[in-house]
Amino acid sequence: MIEVARRLQNLPWKAVEYEDHWNRELPNLLNKAFGARNLAYSYREDPFLVGVSILAHNATQARIFTGMNTKFCRDCPKWCGECFAISAAERAGYMQVIGMAIIAQNQRDNESGALLNFLTPCGKCRQFFRKKRHMISPETRIIGVRIPDFFCDGMTIAELYPKHNEQPFE
């Protein structure tokens, strides 16, 4: 994970208010996302497992929150890790999401049909992000690690929406 974190720190990010927290916590963010993926659940024989961790700030300190996808049966709704993690941060009073890590196999987006270099938040998560504008900004970072080859890349929320042919996140 240290090597993956090193590669991700070299992305051309625009400096954000809590840059020091991001750089210090990136290896932990990745490790916790991998740990969350181990707790994910899918009823399918070939399960689709997603682990997510977010780094959030509450005006005095930063903290990592985790989430994982869960789908109990074919007719049940899916629960996404991004929504779990952001909701946990909000309940704990951490109202600014600095960034998130998503660890998963890649797949085509069900809403937009886009197939990017790594799994990005789904259409329902993107809608959720719009509702959580008080926590998520256009500069919020998304990093992805693709399983099984550990390809890693990143983008901001502002870059995410156009890649899915959606109105920009403002």
C-alpha atoms as a PDB file:
ATOM      1  CA  MET A   1       0.000   0.000   0.000  1.00  0.00           C
ATOM      2  CA  ILE A   2       2.884   2.379   0.614  1.00  0.00           C
ATOM      3  CA  GLU A   3       3.888   2.161  -3.065  1.00  0.00           C
ATOM      4  CA  VAL A   4       0.298   2.816  -4.190  1.00  0.00           C
ATOM      5  CA  ALA A   5       0.117   5.827  -1.844  1.00  0.00           C
ATOM      6  CA  ARG A   6       3.406   7.134  -3.235  1.00  0.00           C
ATOM      7  CA  ARG A   7       2.089   6.927  -6.800  1.00  0.00           C
ATOM      8  CA  LEU A   8      -1.129   8.711  -5.825  1.00  0.00           C
ATOM      9  CA  GLN A   9       0.673  11.538  -4.044  1.00  0.00           C
ATOM     10  CA  ASN A  10       2.317  12.415  -7.353  1.00  0.00           C
ATOM     11  CA  LEU A  11      -1.018  13.220  -9.023  1.00  0.00           C
ATOM     12  CA  PRO A  12      -1.322  16.904  -9.997  1.00  0.00           C
ATOM     13  CA  TRP A  13      -3.854  17.809  -7.280  1.00  0.00           C
ATOM     14  CA  LYS A  14      -4.788  21.418  -6.679  1.00  0.00           C
ATOM     15  CA  ALA A  15      -3.709  22.215  -3.116  1.00  0.00           C
ATOM     16  CA  VAL A  16      -6.588  22.076  -0.650  1.00  0.00           C
ATOM     17  CA  GLU A  17      -7.047  23.523   2.808  1.00  0.00           C
ATOM     18  CA  TYR A  18      -6.186  20.268   4.586  1.00  0.00           C
ATOM     19  CA  GLU A  19      -3.332  19.134   2.332  1.00  0.00           C
ATOM     20  CA  ASP A  20      -1.157  18.069   5.266  1.00  0.00           C
ATOM     21  CA  HIS A  21      -3.889  15.730   6.553  1.00  0.00           C
ATOM     22  CA  TRP A  22      -4.277  14.238   3.068  1.00  0.00           C
ATOM     23  CA  ASN A  23      -0.568  13.527   2.627  1.00  0.00           C
ATOM     24  CA  ARG A  24      -0.175  12.104   6.118  1.00  0.00           C
ATOM     25  CA  GLU A  25      -3.316   9.925   6.041  1.00  0.00           C
ATOM     26  CA  LEU A  26      -3.236   8.609   2.459  1.00  0.00           C
ATOM     27  CA  PRO A  27      -1.612   5.222   3.334  1.00  0.00           C
ATOM     28  CA  ASN A  28      -4.117   4.758   6.190  1.00  0.00           C
ATOM     29  CA  LEU A  29      -6.986   5.757   3.909  1.00  0.00           C
ATOM     30  CA  LEU A  30      -5.987   3.043   1.434  1.00  0.00           C
ATOM     31  CA  ASN A  31      -5.478   0.390   4.115  1.00  0.00           C
ATOM     32  CA  LYS A  32      -8.865   1.112   5.659  1.00  0.00           C
ATOM     33  CA  ALA A  33     -10.567   0.937   2.259  1.00  0.00           C
ATOM     34  CA  PHE A  34      -8.985  -2.485   1.679  1.00  0.00           C
ATOM     35  CA  GLY A  35     -10.166  -3.563   5.138  1.00  0.00           C
ATOM     36  CA  ALA A  36     -13.690  -2.340   4.391  1.00  0.00           C
ATOM     37  CA  ARG A  37     -13.691  -4.303   1.134  1.00  0.00           C
ATOM     38  CA  ASN A  38     -13.077  -7.456   3.174  1.00  0.00           C
ATOM     39  CA  LEU A  39     -16.341  -6.726   5.024  1.00  0.00           C
ATOM     40  CA  ALA A  40     -18.410  -6.082   1.883  1.00  0.00           C
ATOM     41  CA  TYR A  41     -21.184  -8.538   1.057  1.00  0.00           C
ATOM     42  CA  SER A  42     -22.805  -9.627  -2.166  1.00  0.00           C
ATOM     43  CA  TYR A  43     -25.209 -12.521  -2.641  1.00  0.00           C
ATOM     44  CA  ARG A  44     -23.754 -13.294  -6.091  1.00  0.00           C
ATOM     45  CA  GLU A  45     -21.603 -16.364  -6.684  1.00  0.00           C
ATOM     46  CA  ASP A  46     -18.981 -14.069  -8.206  1.00  0.00           C
ATOM     47  CA  PRO A  47     -19.364 -11.244  -5.681  1.00  0.00           C
ATOM     48  CA  PHE A  48     -18.771  -7.618  -6.563  1.00  0.00           C
ATOM     49  CA  LEU A  49     -17.059  -6.182  -3.476  1.00  0.00           C
ATOM     50  CA  VAL A  50     -16.293  -2.510  -2.860  1.00  0.00           C
ATOM     51  CA  GLY A  51     -14.420  -0.931   0.040  1.00  0.00           C
ATOM     52  CA  VAL A  52     -14.493   2.806   0.658  1.00  0.00           C
ATOM     53  CA  SER A  53     -12.811   5.093   3.127  1.00  0.00           C
ATOM     54  CA  ILE A  54     -13.166   8.846   3.414  1.00  0.00           C
ATOM     55  CA  LEU A  55     -11.005  11.423   5.107  1.00  0.00           C
ATOM     56  CA  ALA A  56     -13.216  14.027   6.774  1.00  0.00           C
ATOM     57  CA  HIS A  57     -12.499  17.099   8.882  1.00  0.00           C
ATOM     58  CA  ASN A  58     -14.460  18.726  11.707  1.00  0.00           C
ATOM     59  CA  ALA A  59     -12.671  22.095  12.067  1.00  0.00           C
ATOM     60  CA  THR A  60     -10.148  20.728  14.587  1.00  0.00           C
ATOM     61  CA  GLN A  61      -9.049  17.302  13.351  1.00  0.00           C
ATOM     62  CA  ALA A  62      -9.269  14.799  10.514  1.00  0.00           C
ATOM     63  CA  ARG A  63     -10.618  11.268  10.803  1.00  0.00           C
ATOM     64  CA  ILE A  64     -11.121   8.301   8.487  1.00  0.00           C
ATOM     65  CA  PHE A  65     -14.546   6.680   8.100  1.00  0.00           C
ATOM     66  CA  THR A  66     -15.198   3.476   6.167  1.00  0.00           C
ATOM     67  CA  GLY A  67     -18.028   1.881   4.261  1.00  0.00           C
ATOM     68  CA  MET A  68     -18.597  -1.125   2.058  1.00  0.00           C
ATOM     69  CA  ASN A  69     -21.184  -2.175  -0.468  1.00  0.00           C
ATOM     70  CA  THR A  70     -23.862  -4.621   0.617  1.00  0.00           C
ATOM     71  CA  LYS A  71     -26.449  -6.452  -1.440  1.00  0.00           C
ATOM     72  CA  PHE A  72     -28.239  -9.284   0.336  1.00  0.00           C
ATOM     73  CA  CYS A  73     -30.300 -10.694  -2.549  1.00  0.00           C
ATOM     74  CA  ARG A  74     -31.144 -10.019  -6.166  1.00  0.00           C
ATOM     75  CA  ASP A  75     -34.365  -8.167  -5.343  1.00  0.00           C
ATOM     76  CA  CYS A  76     -32.861  -6.133  -2.487  1.00  0.00           C
ATOM     77  CA  PRO A  77     -31.551  -2.620  -3.004  1.00  0.00           C
ATOM     78  CA  LYS A  78     -27.799  -2.169  -2.979  1.00  0.00           C
ATOM     79  CA  TRP A  79     -26.196  -0.121  -0.228  1.00  0.00           C
ATOM     80  CA  CYS A  80     -23.078   1.718  -1.300  1.00  0.00           C
ATOM     81  CA  GLY A  81     -19.923   2.182   0.732  1.00  0.00           C
ATOM     82  CA  GLU A  82     -19.601   5.870  -0.157  1.00  0.00           C
ATOM     83  CA  CYS A  83     -23.012   6.614   1.380  1.00  0.00           C
ATOM     84  CA  PHE A  84     -22.232   4.545   4.503  1.00  0.00           C
ATOM     85  CA  ALA A  85     -18.916   6.352   5.090  1.00  0.00           C
ATOM     86  CA  ILE A  86     -20.210   9.882   4.446  1.00  0.00           C
ATOM     87  CA  SER A  87     -23.252   9.307   6.651  1.00  0.00           C
ATOM     88  CA  ALA A  88     -21.023   8.033   9.467  1.00  0.00           C
ATOM     89  CA  ALA A  89     -18.824  11.127   9.177  1.00  0.00           C
ATOM     90  CA  GLU A  90     -21.834  13.425   9.275  1.00  0.00           C
ATOM     91  CA  ARG A  91     -23.283  11.671  12.346  1.00  0.00           C
ATOM     92  CA  ALA A  92     -19.925  12.122  14.095  1.00  0.00           C
ATOM     93  CA  GLY A  93     -19.820  15.849  13.270  1.00  0.00           C
ATOM     94  CA  TYR A  94     -17.147  15.701  10.543  1.00  0.00           C
ATOM     95  CA  MET A  95     -18.696  18.014   7.991  1.00  0.00           C
ATOM     96  CA  GLN A  96     -15.993  18.370   5.325  1.00  0.00           C
ATOM     97  CA  VAL A  97     -14.937  15.442   3.141  1.00  0.00           C
ATOM     98  CA  ILE A  98     -11.362  15.983   1.970  1.00  0.00           C
ATOM     99  CA  GLY A  99     -11.169  12.842  -0.142  1.00  0.00           C
ATOM    100  CA  MET A 100     -12.116   9.211  -0.546  1.00  0.00           C
ATOM    101  CA  ALA A 101     -10.506   5.942  -1.590  1.00  0.00           C
ATOM    102  CA  ILE A 102     -12.443   3.282  -3.510  1.00  0.00           C
ATOM    103  CA  ILE A 103     -11.042  -0.233  -3.821  1.00  0.00           C
ATOM    104  CA  ALA A 104     -12.849  -2.549  -6.253  1.00  0.00           C
ATOM    105  CA  GLN A 105     -12.921  -4.390  -9.528  1.00  0.00           C
ATOM    106  CA  ASN A 106     -13.800  -2.104 -12.389  1.00  0.00           C
ATOM    107  CA  GLN A 107     -17.148  -2.228 -14.127  1.00  0.00           C
ATOM    108  CA  ARG A 108     -19.217  -0.115 -16.496  1.00  0.00           C
ATOM    109  CA  ASP A 109     -21.393   2.485 -14.749  1.00  0.00           C
ATOM    110  CA  ASN A 110     -25.055   1.394 -14.767  1.00  0.00           C
ATOM    111  CA  GLU A 111     -26.354   4.954 -15.156  1.00  0.00           C
ATOM    112  CA  SER A 112     -23.991   6.574 -17.662  1.00  0.00           C
ATOM    113  CA  GLY A 113     -22.437   3.537 -19.328  1.00  0.00           C
ATOM    114  CA  ALA A 114     -18.967   5.016 -18.757  1.00  0.00           C
ATOM    115  CA  LEU A 115     -16.044   2.661 -18.196  1.00  0.00           C
ATOM    116  CA  LEU A 116     -13.186   4.562 -16.609  1.00  0.00           C
ATOM    117  CA  ASN A 117      -9.744   3.450 -15.395  1.00  0.00           C
ATOM    118  CA  PHE A 118     -11.101   2.578 -11.937  1.00  0.00           C
ATOM    119  CA  LEU A 119     -14.489   2.168 -10.301  1.00  0.00           C
ATOM    120  CA  THR A 120     -16.030   5.569  -9.619  1.00  0.00           C
ATOM    121  CA  PRO A 121     -19.097   6.350  -7.510  1.00  0.00           C
ATOM    122  CA  CYS A 122     -22.306   5.085  -9.114  1.00  0.00           C
ATOM    123  CA  GLY A 123     -25.249   7.230 -10.209  1.00  0.00           C
ATOM    124  CA  LYS A 124     -27.020   6.897  -6.855  1.00  0.00           C
ATOM    125  CA  CYS A 125     -23.833   7.948  -5.036  1.00  0.00           C
ATOM    126  CA  ARG A 126     -23.408  10.926  -7.359  1.00  0.00           C
ATOM    127  CA  GLN A 127     -26.978  12.004  -6.524  1.00  0.00           C
ATOM    128  CA  PHE A 128     -26.183  11.536  -2.824  1.00  0.00           C
ATOM    129  CA  PHE A 129     -23.091  13.753  -3.204  1.00  0.00           C
ATOM    130  CA  ARG A 130     -25.250  16.542  -4.648  1.00  0.00           C
ATOM    131  CA  LYS A 131     -27.510  16.299  -1.602  1.00  0.00           C
ATOM    132  CA  LYS A 132     -24.450  16.497   0.661  1.00  0.00           C
ATOM    133  CA  ARG A 133     -23.008  19.682  -0.875  1.00  0.00           C
ATOM    134  CA  HIS A 134     -22.498  20.999   2.641  1.00  0.00           C
ATOM    135  CA  MET A 135     -19.864  18.242   3.059  1.00  0.00           C
ATOM    136  CA  ILE A 136     -18.507  17.629  -0.434  1.00  0.00           C
ATOM    137  CA  SER A 137     -16.900  20.244  -2.664  1.00  0.00           C
ATOM    138  CA  PRO A 138     -15.732  20.218  -6.282  1.00  0.00           C
ATOM    139  CA  GLU A 139     -12.161  19.822  -4.924  1.00  0.00           C
ATOM    140  CA  THR A 140     -12.996  16.665  -2.935  1.00  0.00           C
ATOM    141  CA  ARG A 141     -10.602  13.979  -4.150  1.00  0.00           C
ATOM    142  CA  ILE A 142     -11.485  10.496  -5.315  1.00  0.00           C
ATOM    143  CA  ILE A 143      -8.768   7.904  -5.591  1.00  0.00           C
ATOM    144  CA  GLY A 144      -9.332   4.450  -6.946  1.00  0.00           C
ATOM    145  CA  VAL A 145      -7.382   1.245  -6.789  1.00  0.00           C
ATOM    146  CA  ARG A 146      -8.486  -1.323  -9.320  1.00  0.00           C
ATOM    147  CA  ILE A 147      -8.512  -4.964  -8.252  1.00  0.00           C
ATOM    148  CA  PRO A 148      -6.764  -7.267  -9.161  1.00  0.00           C
ATOM    149  CA  ASP A 149      -3.941  -5.340 -10.863  1.00  0.00           C
ATOM    150  CA  PHE A 150      -3.628  -2.477  -8.301  1.00  0.00           C
ATOM    151  CA  PHE A 151      -3.804   0.182 -10.998  1.00  0.00           C
ATOM    152  CA  CYS A 152      -4.389   3.492  -9.198  1.00  0.00           C
ATOM    153  CA  ASP A 153      -5.530   6.892 -10.328  1.00  0.00           C
ATOM    154  CA  GLY A 154      -7.495   9.840  -9.043  1.00  0.00           C
ATOM    155  CA  MET A 155      -9.760  12.742  -9.878  1.00  0.00           C
ATOM    156  CA  THR A 156     -11.758  15.392  -8.124  1.00  0.00           C
ATOM    157  CA  ILE A 157     -15.532  15.544  -7.766  1.00  0.00           C
ATOM    158  CA  ALA A 158     -15.487  18.376 -10.335  1.00  0.00           C
ATOM    159  CA  GLU A 159     -13.819  16.012 -12.838  1.00  0.00           C
ATOM    160  CA  LEU A 160     -16.120  13.077 -12.033  1.00  0.00           C
ATOM    161  CA  TYR A 161     -19.469  14.375 -13.286  1.00  0.00           C
ATOM    162  CA  PRO A 162     -18.454  15.319 -16.870  1.00  0.00           C
ATOM    163  CA  LYS A 163     -16.930  11.833 -17.300  1.00  0.00           C
ATOM    164  CA  HIS A 164     -20.464  10.485 -16.751  1.00  0.00           C
ATOM    165  CA  ASN A 165     -22.039  13.095 -19.065  1.00  0.00           C
ATOM    166  CA  GLU A 166     -23.688  14.824 -16.121  1.00  0.00           C
ATOM    167  CA  GLN A 167     -24.001  18.468 -15.158  1.00  0.00           C
ATOM    168  CA  PRO A 168     -20.910  19.698 -13.336  1.00  0.00           C
ATOM    169  CA  PHE A 169     -20.837  19.568  -9.559  1.00  0.00           C
ATOM    170  CA  GLU A 170     -20.897  23.179  -8.371  1.00  0.00           C
END
